Amino acid sequence: MKVNDALNKVTDSIHGIMGLGLTLAVAFLVVDLLFPGTTNIVNNVAMLVKSFTGHGLVGLITLIVFMTIFMRDKS
């Protein structure tokens, strides 16, 4: 039981950190859309998507798998 409690605490902490990161990313995205070039997050997101899709079908499948895992944790 103690190991499960420890793993649950670590998982909860990681979810909190990821939630904060995603919230900040959305906030920076809005700031960059209102004031272009301020945070450069639009270019960074575009490069991330391009790096996935640049590898053809394998990259697209990898992107879908990551999104599926991410959405599963949200529900």
PDB file of N, CA and C in Angstrom:
ATOM      1  N   MET A   1       0.817  -1.202   0.000  1.00  0.00           N
ATOM      2  CA  MET A   1       0.000   0.000   0.000  1.00  0.00           C
ATOM      3  C   MET A   1       0.858   1.263   0.000  1.00  0.00           C
ATOM      4  N   LYS A   2       1.955   1.273   0.708  1.00  0.00           N
ATOM      5  CA  LYS A   2       2.769   2.477   0.791  1.00  0.00           C
ATOM      6  C   LYS A   2       3.407   2.821  -0.551  1.00  0.00           C
ATOM      7  N   VAL A   3       3.752   1.791  -1.332  1.00  0.00           N
ATOM      8  CA  VAL A   3       4.325   2.047  -2.642  1.00  0.00           C
ATOM      9  C   VAL A   3       3.270   2.681  -3.543  1.00  0.00           C
ATOM     10  N   ASN A   4       2.047   2.181  -3.479  1.00  0.00           N
ATOM     11  CA  ASN A   4       0.964   2.764  -4.282  1.00  0.00           C
ATOM     12  C   ASN A   4       0.706   4.210  -3.886  1.00  0.00           C
ATOM     13  N   ASP A   5       0.748   4.501  -2.593  1.00  0.00           N
ATOM     14  CA  ASP A   5       0.554   5.878  -2.132  1.00  0.00           C
ATOM     15  C   ASP A   5       1.653   6.794  -2.663  1.00  0.00           C
ATOM     16  N   ALA A   6       2.885   6.310  -2.630  1.00  0.00           N
ATOM     17  CA  ALA A   6       4.006   7.105  -3.127  1.00  0.00           C
ATOM     18  C   ALA A   6       3.872   7.343  -4.629  1.00  0.00           C
ATOM     19  N   LEU A   7       3.503   6.306  -5.369  1.00  0.00           N
ATOM     20  CA  LEU A   7       3.332   6.461  -6.813  1.00  0.00           C
ATOM     21  C   LEU A   7       2.182   7.404  -7.138  1.00  0.00           C
ATOM     22  N   ASN A   8       1.117   7.344  -6.357  1.00  0.00           N
ATOM     23  CA  ASN A   8      -0.006   8.258  -6.565  1.00  0.00           C
ATOM     24  C   ASN A   8       0.404   9.705  -6.315  1.00  0.00           C
ATOM     25  N   LYS A   9       1.217   9.929  -5.286  1.00  0.00           N
ATOM     26  CA  LYS A   9       1.687  11.288  -5.006  1.00  0.00           C
ATOM     27  C   LYS A   9       2.570  11.813  -6.128  1.00  0.00           C
ATOM     28  N   VAL A  10       3.456  10.944  -6.634  1.00  0.00           N
ATOM     29  CA  VAL A  10       4.335  11.347  -7.740  1.00  0.00           C
ATOM     30  C   VAL A  10       3.501  11.645  -8.985  1.00  0.00           C
ATOM     31  N   THR A  11       2.543  10.773  -9.269  1.00  0.00           N
ATOM     32  CA  THR A  11       1.675  10.973 -10.431  1.00  0.00           C
ATOM     33  C   THR A  11       0.880  12.260 -10.308  1.00  0.00           C
ATOM     34  N   ASP A  12       0.336  12.520  -9.137  1.00  0.00           N
ATOM     35  CA  ASP A  12      -0.410  13.758  -8.920  1.00  0.00           C
ATOM     36  C   ASP A  12       0.483  14.983  -9.097  1.00  0.00           C
ATOM     37  N   SER A  13       1.713  14.893  -8.620  1.00  0.00           N
ATOM     38  CA  SER A  13       2.652  16.011  -8.775  1.00  0.00           C
ATOM     39  C   SER A  13       2.972  16.258 -10.240  1.00  0.00           C
ATOM     40  N   ILE A  14       3.202  15.179 -10.980  1.00  0.00           N
ATOM     41  CA  ILE A  14       3.517  15.316 -12.403  1.00  0.00           C
ATOM     42  C   ILE A  14       2.329  15.906 -13.159  1.00  0.00           C
ATOM     43  N   HIS A  15       1.117  15.460 -12.830  1.00  0.00           N
ATOM     44  CA  HIS A  15      -0.076  16.010 -13.471  1.00  0.00           C
ATOM     45  C   HIS A  15      -0.218  17.502 -13.161  1.00  0.00           C
ATOM     46  N   GLY A  16       0.099  17.892 -11.946  1.00  0.00           N
ATOM     47  CA  GLY A  16       0.034  19.309 -11.584  1.00  0.00           C
ATOM     48  C   GLY A  16       1.031  20.142 -12.361  1.00  0.00           C
ATOM     49  N   ILE A  17       2.249  19.637 -12.489  1.00  0.00           N
ATOM     50  CA  ILE A  17       3.289  20.349 -13.223  1.00  0.00           C
ATOM     51  C   ILE A  17       2.925  20.443 -14.697  1.00  0.00           C
ATOM     52  N   MET A  18       2.408  19.345 -15.268  1.00  0.00           N
ATOM     53  CA  MET A  18       2.005  19.369 -16.676  1.00  0.00           C
ATOM     54  C   MET A  18       0.830  20.316 -16.893  1.00  0.00           C
ATOM     55  N   GLY A  19      -0.102  20.336 -15.959  1.00  0.00           N
ATOM     56  CA  GLY A  19      -1.230  21.257 -16.065  1.00  0.00           C
ATOM     57  C   GLY A  19      -0.766  22.704 -16.035  1.00  0.00           C
ATOM     58  N   LEU A  20       0.172  23.006 -15.152  1.00  0.00           N
ATOM     59  CA  LEU A  20       0.732  24.356 -15.090  1.00  0.00           C
ATOM     60  C   LEU A  20       1.445  24.707 -16.388  1.00  0.00           C
ATOM     61  N   GLY A  21       2.222  23.764 -16.904  1.00  0.00           N
ATOM     62  CA  GLY A  21       2.936  24.002 -18.158  1.00  0.00           C
ATOM     63  C   GLY A  21       1.996  24.263 -19.316  1.00  0.00           C
ATOM     64  N   LEU A  22       0.926  23.482 -19.402  1.00  0.00           N
ATOM     65  CA  LEU A  22      -0.038  23.678 -20.481  1.00  0.00           C
ATOM     66  C   LEU A  22      -0.781  24.999 -20.337  1.00  0.00           C
ATOM     67  N   THR A  23      -1.096  25.372 -19.107  1.00  0.00           N
ATOM     68  CA  THR A  23      -1.755  26.651 -18.876  1.00  0.00           C
ATOM     69  C   THR A  23      -0.852  27.805 -19.287  1.00  0.00           C
ATOM     70  N   LEU A  24       0.418  27.717 -18.937  1.00  0.00           N
ATOM     71  CA  LEU A  24       1.369  28.759 -19.328  1.00  0.00           C
ATOM     72  C   LEU A  24       1.552  28.797 -20.841  1.00  0.00           C
ATOM     73  N   ALA A  25       1.582  27.624 -21.477  1.00  0.00           N
ATOM     74  CA  ALA A  25       1.736  27.575 -22.931  1.00  0.00           C
ATOM     75  C   ALA A  25       0.564  28.257 -23.625  1.00  0.00           C
ATOM     76  N   VAL A  26      -0.644  28.017 -23.133  1.00  0.00           N
ATOM     77  CA  VAL A  26      -1.822  28.667 -23.721  1.00  0.00           C
ATOM     78  C   VAL A  26      -1.771  30.174 -23.482  1.00  0.00           C
ATOM     79  N   ALA A  27      -1.365  30.570 -22.281  1.00  0.00           N
ATOM     80  CA  ALA A  27      -1.263  32.007 -21.984  1.00  0.00           C
ATOM     81  C   ALA A  27      -0.222  32.663 -22.888  1.00  0.00           C
ATOM     82  N   PHE A  28       0.928  32.020 -23.074  1.00  0.00           N
ATOM     83  CA  PHE A  28       1.970  32.561 -23.954  1.00  0.00           C
ATOM     84  C   PHE A  28       1.496  32.585 -25.399  1.00  0.00           C
ATOM     85  N   LEU A  29       0.699  31.604 -25.792  1.00  0.00           N
ATOM     86  CA  LEU A  29       0.164  31.580 -27.144  1.00  0.00           C
ATOM     87  C   LEU A  29      -0.755  32.775 -27.385  1.00  0.00           C
ATOM     88  N   VAL A  30      -1.602  33.078 -26.410  1.00  0.00           N
ATOM     89  CA  VAL A  30      -2.496  34.233 -26.535  1.00  0.00           C
ATOM     90  C   VAL A  30      -1.685  35.524 -26.581  1.00  0.00           C
ATOM     91  N   VAL A  31      -0.685  35.638 -25.722  1.00  0.00           N
ATOM     92  CA  VAL A  31       0.167  36.837 -25.719  1.00  0.00           C
ATOM     93  C   VAL A  31       0.876  36.987 -27.058  1.00  0.00           C
ATOM     94  N   ASP A  32       1.375  35.874 -27.598  1.00  0.00           N
ATOM     95  CA  ASP A  32       2.098  35.935 -28.870  1.00  0.00           C
ATOM     96  C   ASP A  32       1.165  36.251 -30.032  1.00  0.00           C
ATOM     97  N   LEU A  33      -0.091  35.835 -29.931  1.00  0.00           N
ATOM     98  CA  LEU A  33      -1.045  36.181 -30.985  1.00  0.00           C
ATOM     99  C   LEU A  33      -1.436  37.661 -30.909  1.00  0.00           C
ATOM    100  N   LEU A  34      -1.551  38.201 -29.698  1.00  0.00           N
ATOM    101  CA  LEU A  34      -1.895  39.609 -29.543  1.00  0.00           C
ATOM    102  C   LEU A  34      -0.720  40.532 -29.846  1.00  0.00           C
ATOM    103  N   PHE A  35       0.470  40.101 -29.440  1.00  0.00           N
ATOM    104  CA  PHE A  35       1.694  40.878 -29.653  1.00  0.00           C
ATOM    105  C   PHE A  35       2.716  39.981 -30.340  1.00  0.00           C
ATOM    106  N   PRO A  36       2.665  39.895 -31.665  1.00  0.00           N
ATOM    107  CA  PRO A  36       3.515  38.947 -32.408  1.00  0.00           C
ATOM    108  C   PRO A  36       4.997  39.086 -32.088  1.00  0.00           C
ATOM    109  N   GLY A  37       5.645  37.932 -31.941  1.00  0.00           N
ATOM    110  CA  GLY A  37       7.082  37.896 -31.692  1.00  0.00           C
ATOM    111  C   GLY A  37       7.485  38.071 -30.250  1.00  0.00           C
ATOM    112  N   THR A  38       6.526  38.220 -29.342  1.00  0.00           N
ATOM    113  CA  THR A  38       6.864  38.441 -27.935  1.00  0.00           C
ATOM    114  C   THR A  38       7.453  37.191 -27.292  1.00  0.00           C
ATOM    115  N   THR A  39       6.775  36.053 -27.466  1.00  0.00           N
ATOM    116  CA  THR A  39       7.230  34.827 -26.808  1.00  0.00           C
ATOM    117  C   THR A  39       7.747  33.780 -27.785  1.00  0.00           C
ATOM    118  N   ASN A  40       7.467  33.946 -29.079  1.00  0.00           N
ATOM    119  CA  ASN A  40       7.883  33.008 -30.124  1.00  0.00           C
ATOM    120  C   ASN A  40       7.297  31.606 -29.972  1.00  0.00           C
ATOM    121  N   ILE A  41       6.258  31.449 -29.165  1.00  0.00           N
ATOM    122  CA  ILE A  41       5.699  30.116 -28.949  1.00  0.00           C
ATOM    123  C   ILE A  41       4.985  29.612 -30.200  1.00  0.00           C
ATOM    124  N   VAL A  42       4.438  30.498 -31.003  1.00  0.00           N
ATOM    125  CA  VAL A  42       3.761  30.072 -32.232  1.00  0.00           C
ATOM    126  C   VAL A  42       4.768  29.379 -33.151  1.00  0.00           C
ATOM    127  N   ASN A  43       5.940  29.962 -33.298  1.00  0.00           N
ATOM    128  CA  ASN A  43       6.981  29.338 -34.121  1.00  0.00           C
ATOM    129  C   ASN A  43       7.444  28.014 -33.523  1.00  0.00           C
ATOM    130  N   ASN A  44       7.557  27.955 -32.205  1.00  0.00           N
ATOM    131  CA  ASN A  44       8.002  26.720 -31.554  1.00  0.00           C
ATOM    132  C   ASN A  44       6.986  25.593 -31.735  1.00  0.00           C
ATOM    133  N   VAL A  45       5.706  25.909 -31.600  1.00  0.00           N
ATOM    134  CA  VAL A  45       4.664  24.894 -31.797  1.00  0.00           C
ATOM    135  C   VAL A  45       4.656  24.454 -33.258  1.00  0.00           C
ATOM    136  N   ALA A  46       4.806  25.396 -34.167  1.00  0.00           N
ATOM    137  CA  ALA A  46       4.841  25.055 -35.592  1.00  0.00           C
ATOM    138  C   ALA A  46       6.021  24.133 -35.904  1.00  0.00           C
ATOM    139  N   MET A  47       7.160  24.414 -35.320  1.00  0.00           N
ATOM    140  CA  MET A  47       8.333  23.553 -35.534  1.00  0.00           C
ATOM    141  C   MET A  47       8.131  22.171 -34.932  1.00  0.00           C
ATOM    142  N   LEU A  48       7.459  22.086 -33.788  1.00  0.00           N
ATOM    143  CA  LEU A  48       7.185  20.796 -33.172  1.00  0.00           C
ATOM    144  C   LEU A  48       6.278  19.952 -34.057  1.00  0.00           C
ATOM    145  N   VAL A  49       5.217  20.546 -34.544  1.00  0.00           N
ATOM    146  CA  VAL A  49       4.298  19.823 -35.432  1.00  0.00           C
ATOM    147  C   VAL A  49       5.016  19.441 -36.719  1.00  0.00           C
ATOM    148  N   LYS A  50       5.824  20.337 -37.237  1.00  0.00           N
ATOM    149  CA  LYS A  50       6.571  20.057 -38.467  1.00  0.00           C
ATOM    150  C   LYS A  50       7.552  18.911 -38.258  1.00  0.00           C
ATOM    151  N   SER A  51       8.158  18.823 -37.069  1.00  0.00           N
ATOM    152  CA  SER A  51       9.096  17.731 -36.810  1.00  0.00           C
ATOM    153  C   SER A  51       8.381  16.386 -36.769  1.00  0.00           C
ATOM    154  N   PHE A  52       7.140  16.364 -36.275  1.00  0.00           N
ATOM    155  CA  PHE A  52       6.370  15.124 -36.279  1.00  0.00           C
ATOM    156  C   PHE A  52       5.940  14.761 -37.696  1.00  0.00           C
ATOM    157  N   THR A  53       5.360  15.717 -38.400  1.00  0.00           N
ATOM    158  CA  THR A  53       4.804  15.424 -39.711  1.00  0.00           C
ATOM    159  C   THR A  53       5.877  15.330 -40.791  1.00  0.00           C
ATOM    160  N   GLY A  54       7.074  15.813 -40.513  1.00  0.00           N
ATOM    161  CA  GLY A  54       8.160  15.741 -41.476  1.00  0.00           C
ATOM    162  C   GLY A  54       8.680  14.331 -41.692  1.00  0.00           C
ATOM    163  N   HIS A  55       8.336  13.424 -40.810  1.00  0.00           N
ATOM    164  CA  HIS A  55       8.783  12.033 -40.918  1.00  0.00           C
ATOM    165  C   HIS A  55       7.726  11.146 -41.543  1.00  0.00           C
ATOM    166  N   GLY A  56       6.787  11.747 -42.223  1.00  0.00           N
ATOM    167  CA  GLY A  56       5.780  10.982 -42.953  1.00  0.00           C
ATOM    168  C   GLY A  56       4.792  10.284 -42.046  1.00  0.00           C
ATOM    169  N   LEU A  57       4.443   9.080 -42.431  1.00  0.00           N
ATOM    170  CA  LEU A  57       3.422   8.315 -41.727  1.00  0.00           C
ATOM    171  C   LEU A  57       3.856   7.964 -40.303  1.00  0.00           C
ATOM    172  N   VAL A  58       5.134   7.665 -40.118  1.00  0.00           N
ATOM    173  CA  VAL A  58       5.625   7.314 -38.777  1.00  0.00           C
ATOM    174  C   VAL A  58       5.464   8.499 -37.823  1.00  0.00           C
ATOM    175  N   GLY A  59       5.809   9.684 -38.274  1.00  0.00           N
ATOM    176  CA  GLY A  59       5.655  10.871 -37.438  1.00  0.00           C
ATOM    177  C   GLY A  59       4.207  11.167 -37.129  1.00  0.00           C
ATOM    178  N   LEU A  60       3.342  10.982 -38.119  1.00  0.00           N
ATOM    179  CA  LEU A  60       1.916  11.214 -37.908  1.00  0.00           C
ATOM    180  C   LEU A  60       1.345  10.226 -36.898  1.00  0.00           C
ATOM    181  N   ILE A  61       1.737   8.965 -37.014  1.00  0.00           N
ATOM    182  CA  ILE A  61       1.275   7.953 -36.054  1.00  0.00           C
ATOM    183  C   ILE A  61       1.792   8.273 -34.658  1.00  0.00           C
ATOM    184  N   THR A  62       3.039   8.705 -34.556  1.00  0.00           N
ATOM    185  CA  THR A  62       3.605   9.076 -33.257  1.00  0.00           C
ATOM    186  C   THR A  62       2.846  10.244 -32.648  1.00  0.00           C
ATOM    187  N   LEU A  63       2.524  11.236 -33.456  1.00  0.00           N
ATOM    188  CA  LEU A  63       1.749  12.377 -32.972  1.00  0.00           C
ATOM    189  C   LEU A  63       0.375  11.933 -32.482  1.00  0.00           C
ATOM    190  N   ILE A  64      -0.278  11.050 -33.214  1.00  0.00           N
ATOM    191  CA  ILE A  64      -1.592  10.542 -32.807  1.00  0.00           C
ATOM    192  C   ILE A  64      -1.493   9.764 -31.505  1.00  0.00           C
ATOM    193  N   VAL A  65      -0.447   8.950 -31.358  1.00  0.00           N
ATOM    194  CA  VAL A  65      -0.262   8.187 -30.116  1.00  0.00           C
ATOM    195  C   VAL A  65      -0.067   9.127 -28.930  1.00  0.00           C
ATOM    196  N   PHE A  66       0.780  10.157 -29.091  1.00  0.00           N
ATOM    197  CA  PHE A  66       0.989  11.118 -28.005  1.00  0.00           C
ATOM    198  C   PHE A  66      -0.301  11.843 -27.641  1.00  0.00           C
ATOM    199  N   MET A  67      -1.055  12.241 -28.641  1.00  0.00           N
ATOM    200  CA  MET A  67      -2.314  12.939 -28.380  1.00  0.00           C
ATOM    201  C   MET A  67      -3.319  12.021 -27.697  1.00  0.00           C
ATOM    202  N   THR A  68      -3.350  10.744 -28.092  1.00  0.00           N
ATOM    203  CA  THR A  68      -4.248   9.782 -27.455  1.00  0.00           C
ATOM    204  C   THR A  68      -3.890   9.595 -25.994  1.00  0.00           C
ATOM    205  N   ILE A  69      -2.605   9.456 -25.716  1.00  0.00           N
ATOM    206  CA  ILE A  69      -2.164   9.303 -24.321  1.00  0.00           C
ATOM    207  C   ILE A  69      -2.511  10.552 -23.520  1.00  0.00           C
ATOM    208  N   PHE A  70      -2.268  11.716 -24.100  1.00  0.00           N
ATOM    209  CA  PHE A  70      -2.567  12.964 -23.408  1.00  0.00           C
ATOM    210  C   PHE A  70      -4.054  13.110 -23.129  1.00  0.00           C
ATOM    211  N   MET A  71      -4.879  12.812 -24.107  1.00  0.00           N
ATOM    212  CA  MET A  71      -6.342  12.948 -23.934  1.00  0.00           C
ATOM    213  C   MET A  71      -6.883  11.904 -22.964  1.00  0.00           C
ATOM    214  N   ARG A  72      -6.292  10.738 -22.914  1.00  0.00           N
ATOM    215  CA  ARG A  72      -6.721   9.698 -21.987  1.00  0.00           C
ATOM    216  C   ARG A  72      -6.508  10.166 -20.537  1.00  0.00           C
ATOM    217  N   ASP A  73      -5.410  10.840 -20.287  1.00  0.00           N
ATOM    218  CA  ASP A  73      -5.121  11.323 -18.933  1.00  0.00           C
ATOM    219  C   ASP A  73      -6.063  12.448 -18.520  1.00  0.00           C
ATOM    220  N   LYS A  74      -6.592  13.189 -19.472  1.00  0.00           N
ATOM    221  CA  LYS A  74      -7.471  14.301 -19.181  1.00  0.00           C
ATOM    222  C   LYS A  74      -8.886  13.858 -18.773  1.00  0.00           C
ATOM    223  N   SER A  75      -9.300  12.686 -19.242  1.00  0.00           N
ATOM    224  CA  SER A  75     -10.673  12.251 -18.948  1.00  0.00           C
ATOM    225  C   SER A  75     -10.785  11.468 -17.675  1.00  0.00           C
TER     226      SER A  75
END
